[in-house]
Amino acid sequence: MQPIENKIISRIYGRGRGWAFTKTDFAAEFGESNIHQALSSLSKSGRIRRVCRGVYDYPQFSDLLQQPLSPDIDQVAHALGRKFNWRIQPSGDAALNLLGLSTQVPGRWVYLSDGPDRQYTIGKTLLVFKQTALKEVGFRHPKSGLLVHALKALGRERVDAAVIGAVRARLSDKDREQIPRDTRQVTGWVHDLIKKICQRAD
């Protein structure tokens, strides 16, 4: 059992602090009962943390506070997405936060999903999955959906030069090339803004 536990913790450490995961992330390499025993043992020893039923993380640590930070909700959402084979897309306040357009940490993170409606309590935060049409979560590039839903959450009238500049600064040259092609089917005004954001700044 010990060698499997060592291999699993090595995989976890390799992904870095903040990574959230379930037993599904190790199923290709190890037997289910061995994974379960290893995660249970690692959790009891404090090397990983149980976030909610079936989900663990390798917590980030605050040197200032000298204690682990709260779980990364986006990491937890993606761990659940992998576990259930859902395609997921942050929306509303979650999208704004992840894109750096809001400094407020939402108390309720909503993800659109092609799976069933579900919700999970992570500490004091509610993580909600809402079943929605595939076209809302079917973007090829993760930042495409993030940008679409952040703009929808803001509304056309609130997207000014400062917002455009802030978003543009978070996109790579490759992002700016790919996202307009990936979002051609979205609402007209959203795609117009995306093309503007993805233009090269003078």
Protein backbone atom coordinates (compact mmCIF):
# COMPACT_ATOMS: atom_id res chain seq x y z
CA MET A 1 0.00 0.00 0.00
CA GLN A 2 2.78 2.42 0.90
CA PRO A 3 4.30 2.59 -2.62
CA ILE A 4 0.89 3.49 -4.10
CA GLU A 5 0.39 6.18 -1.47
CA ASN A 6 3.83 7.60 -2.32
CA LYS A 7 3.05 7.60 -6.04
CA ILE A 8 -0.27 9.36 -5.48
CA ILE A 9 1.17 12.06 -3.22
CA SER A 10 3.97 12.57 -5.76
CA ARG A 11 1.34 13.16 -8.47
CA ILE A 12 -0.49 15.60 -6.19
CA TYR A 13 2.64 17.54 -5.27
CA GLY A 14 3.53 17.68 -8.95
CA ARG A 15 0.32 19.57 -9.71
CA GLY A 16 1.14 22.20 -7.08
CA ARG A 17 -0.69 23.77 -4.18
CA GLY A 18 -4.34 24.61 -4.78
CA TRP A 19 -5.03 21.58 -7.00
CA ALA A 20 -8.31 19.83 -6.22
CA PHE A 21 -8.94 16.23 -7.21
CA THR A 22 -11.04 13.10 -6.77
CA LYS A 23 -10.20 9.41 -7.00
CA THR A 24 -11.14 9.60 -10.70
CA ASP A 25 -7.92 11.54 -11.34
CA PHE A 26 -5.90 8.42 -10.40
CA ALA A 27 -8.21 5.70 -11.76
CA ALA A 28 -6.15 5.09 -14.92
CA GLU A 29 -3.14 4.00 -12.85
CA PHE A 30 -4.40 2.43 -9.63
CA GLY A 31 -7.23 0.24 -8.34
CA GLU A 32 -10.23 1.99 -6.76
CA SER A 33 -9.84 0.44 -3.30
CA ASN A 34 -6.13 1.35 -3.22
CA ILE A 35 -6.87 4.94 -4.25
CA HIS A 36 -9.58 5.24 -1.59
CA GLN A 37 -7.26 3.92 1.13
CA ALA A 38 -4.40 6.17 0.02
CA LEU A 39 -6.52 9.34 -0.07
CA SER A 40 -8.06 8.51 3.30
CA SER A 41 -4.61 7.95 4.85
CA LEU A 42 -3.14 11.11 3.28
CA SER A 43 -6.11 13.13 4.51
CA LYS A 44 -5.80 11.81 8.08
CA SER A 45 -2.09 12.64 8.10
CA GLY A 46 -2.83 16.22 7.00
CA ARG A 47 -0.87 16.02 3.74
CA ILE A 48 -4.07 16.65 1.76
CA ARG A 49 -7.44 18.09 2.82
CA ARG A 50 -10.94 16.73 2.34
CA VAL A 51 -12.98 19.58 0.80
CA CYS A 52 -16.35 17.85 0.52
CA ARG A 53 -17.51 14.31 -0.03
CA GLY A 54 -15.19 12.66 -2.52
CA VAL A 55 -13.17 15.83 -3.24
CA TYR A 56 -9.75 16.69 -1.80
CA ASP A 57 -7.17 19.38 -2.35
CA TYR A 58 -3.51 20.12 -1.74
CA PRO A 59 -4.19 23.39 0.09
CA GLN A 60 -2.39 26.62 -0.56
CA PHE A 61 -0.71 27.94 2.59
CA SER A 62 -0.56 31.52 3.85
CA ASP A 63 2.84 32.43 5.29
CA LEU A 64 1.27 35.58 6.71
CA LEU A 65 -1.57 33.79 8.51
CA GLN A 66 0.41 30.60 9.05
CA GLN A 67 -2.57 28.49 8.04
CA PRO A 68 -4.06 26.85 4.94
CA LEU A 69 -6.13 29.08 2.65
CA SER A 70 -9.72 28.31 1.70
CA PRO A 71 -10.14 25.86 -1.21
CA ASP A 72 -9.88 27.21 -4.76
CA ILE A 73 -13.52 26.92 -5.83
CA ASP A 74 -12.67 26.86 -9.54
CA GLN A 75 -10.31 23.94 -8.93
CA VAL A 76 -13.04 22.11 -6.97
CA ALA A 77 -15.55 22.75 -9.76
CA HIS A 78 -13.19 21.31 -12.38
CA ALA A 79 -12.41 18.29 -10.17
CA LEU A 80 -16.14 17.54 -10.03
CA GLY A 81 -16.43 18.15 -13.78
CA ARG A 82 -13.72 15.56 -14.43
CA LYS A 83 -15.27 13.11 -11.98
CA PHE A 84 -18.70 13.17 -13.62
CA ASN A 85 -17.47 13.88 -17.16
CA TRP A 86 -19.36 17.18 -17.30
CA ARG A 87 -18.40 20.13 -19.45
CA ILE A 88 -18.60 23.17 -17.21
CA GLN A 89 -18.42 26.92 -17.64
CA PRO A 90 -18.18 29.59 -14.91
CA SER A 91 -20.84 32.26 -15.27
CA GLY A 92 -21.91 35.51 -13.61
CA ASP A 93 -19.86 36.64 -10.63
CA ALA A 94 -17.61 33.58 -10.87
CA ALA A 95 -16.60 34.49 -14.44
CA LEU A 96 -15.98 38.11 -13.45
CA ASN A 97 -13.80 37.03 -10.53
CA LEU A 98 -11.77 34.55 -12.57
CA LEU A 99 -11.19 37.10 -15.32
CA GLY A 100 -10.01 39.68 -12.79
CA LEU A 101 -12.95 42.07 -13.41
CA SER A 102 -14.20 41.80 -9.84
CA THR A 103 -12.17 41.68 -6.65
CA GLN A 104 -15.16 40.47 -4.64
CA VAL A 105 -15.08 36.76 -3.90
CA PRO A 106 -18.60 35.44 -4.57
CA GLY A 107 -20.39 33.55 -1.81
CA ARG A 108 -22.15 31.60 -4.57
CA TRP A 109 -20.22 30.30 -7.56
CA VAL A 110 -22.44 29.27 -10.48
CA TYR A 111 -21.20 27.01 -13.26
CA LEU A 112 -23.19 26.11 -16.33
CA SER A 113 -22.96 22.41 -17.09
CA ASP A 114 -24.16 19.75 -19.50
CA GLY A 115 -24.74 17.55 -16.43
CA PRO A 116 -27.65 17.65 -13.95
CA ASP A 117 -28.40 20.48 -11.52
CA ARG A 118 -26.24 19.98 -8.42
CA GLN A 119 -24.95 22.07 -5.55
CA TYR A 120 -22.18 21.61 -3.00
CA THR A 121 -21.24 23.51 0.15
CA ILE A 122 -17.51 24.23 0.30
CA GLY A 123 -16.83 25.88 3.66
CA LYS A 124 -18.97 29.03 3.56
CA THR A 125 -19.27 29.00 -0.23
CA LEU A 126 -22.05 27.48 -2.31
CA LEU A 127 -20.92 25.82 -5.55
CA VAL A 128 -23.84 25.47 -7.97
CA PHE A 129 -24.01 23.58 -11.26
CA LYS A 130 -26.87 24.52 -13.56
CA GLN A 131 -27.83 22.33 -16.48
CA THR A 132 -27.83 24.36 -19.66
CA ALA A 133 -27.71 24.09 -23.45
CA LEU A 134 -24.55 22.59 -24.87
CA LYS A 135 -23.85 25.72 -26.93
CA GLU A 136 -23.27 27.65 -23.67
CA VAL A 137 -20.54 25.28 -22.47
CA GLY A 138 -19.19 23.87 -25.71
CA PHE A 139 -16.34 26.30 -26.40
CA ARG A 140 -13.06 24.80 -27.54
CA HIS A 141 -10.87 27.12 -25.47
CA PRO A 142 -11.56 27.67 -21.73
CA LYS A 143 -10.96 31.43 -21.93
CA SER A 144 -13.58 31.76 -24.70
CA GLY A 145 -16.44 30.76 -22.42
CA LEU A 146 -14.99 32.71 -19.52
CA LEU A 147 -14.92 35.89 -21.61
CA VAL A 148 -18.42 35.36 -23.06
CA HIS A 149 -20.03 34.85 -19.66
CA ALA A 150 -18.08 37.66 -17.99
CA LEU A 151 -19.29 40.09 -20.67
CA LYS A 152 -22.87 38.85 -20.31
CA ALA A 153 -22.65 39.31 -16.54
CA LEU A 154 -21.38 42.89 -16.94
CA GLY A 155 -23.83 43.91 -19.66
CA ARG A 156 -22.96 45.90 -22.78
CA GLU A 157 -23.30 49.32 -21.13
CA ARG A 158 -20.70 48.54 -18.44
CA VAL A 159 -17.95 47.43 -20.82
CA ASP A 160 -15.78 50.55 -21.13
CA ALA A 161 -12.18 51.20 -22.20
CA ALA A 162 -10.89 50.21 -18.74
CA VAL A 163 -12.63 46.83 -18.89
CA ILE A 164 -11.42 46.21 -22.44
CA GLY A 165 -7.85 47.06 -21.41
CA ALA A 166 -8.00 44.87 -18.29
CA VAL A 167 -9.27 41.86 -20.22
CA ARG A 168 -6.86 42.37 -23.13
CA ALA A 169 -3.94 42.37 -20.69
CA ARG A 170 -4.92 38.87 -19.49
CA LEU A 171 -4.99 37.36 -22.98
CA SER A 172 -2.00 35.97 -24.83
CA ASP A 173 -1.44 36.56 -28.55
CA LYS A 174 -2.68 33.01 -29.12
CA ASP A 175 -5.85 33.71 -27.08
CA ARG A 176 -6.56 36.83 -29.13
CA GLU A 177 -6.24 34.84 -32.32
CA GLN A 178 -8.35 31.85 -31.23
CA ILE A 179 -11.17 33.36 -29.16
CA PRO A 180 -12.93 35.38 -31.92
CA ARG A 181 -13.10 32.24 -34.09
CA ASP A 182 -14.28 30.11 -31.19
CA THR A 183 -17.14 32.48 -30.26
CA ARG A 184 -18.66 33.25 -33.65
CA GLN A 185 -22.02 31.75 -32.67
CA VAL A 186 -22.60 33.94 -29.57
CA THR A 187 -24.93 36.96 -29.29
CA GLY A 188 -23.98 39.75 -31.71
CA TRP A 189 -23.02 42.46 -29.21
CA VAL A 190 -20.92 40.00 -27.18
CA HIS A 191 -18.97 38.90 -30.25
CA ASP A 192 -18.49 42.52 -31.36
CA LEU A 193 -16.90 43.29 -27.97
CA ILE A 194 -14.77 40.16 -28.13
CA LYS A 195 -13.41 41.20 -31.54
CA LYS A 196 -12.65 44.66 -30.10
CA ILE A 197 -10.90 43.19 -27.05
CA CYS A 198 -8.87 40.82 -29.22
CA GLN A 199 -7.63 43.55 -31.57
CA ARG A 200 -4.01 44.44 -31.12
CA ALA A 201 -3.65 47.53 -28.95
CA ASP A 202 -2.04 50.47 -30.75
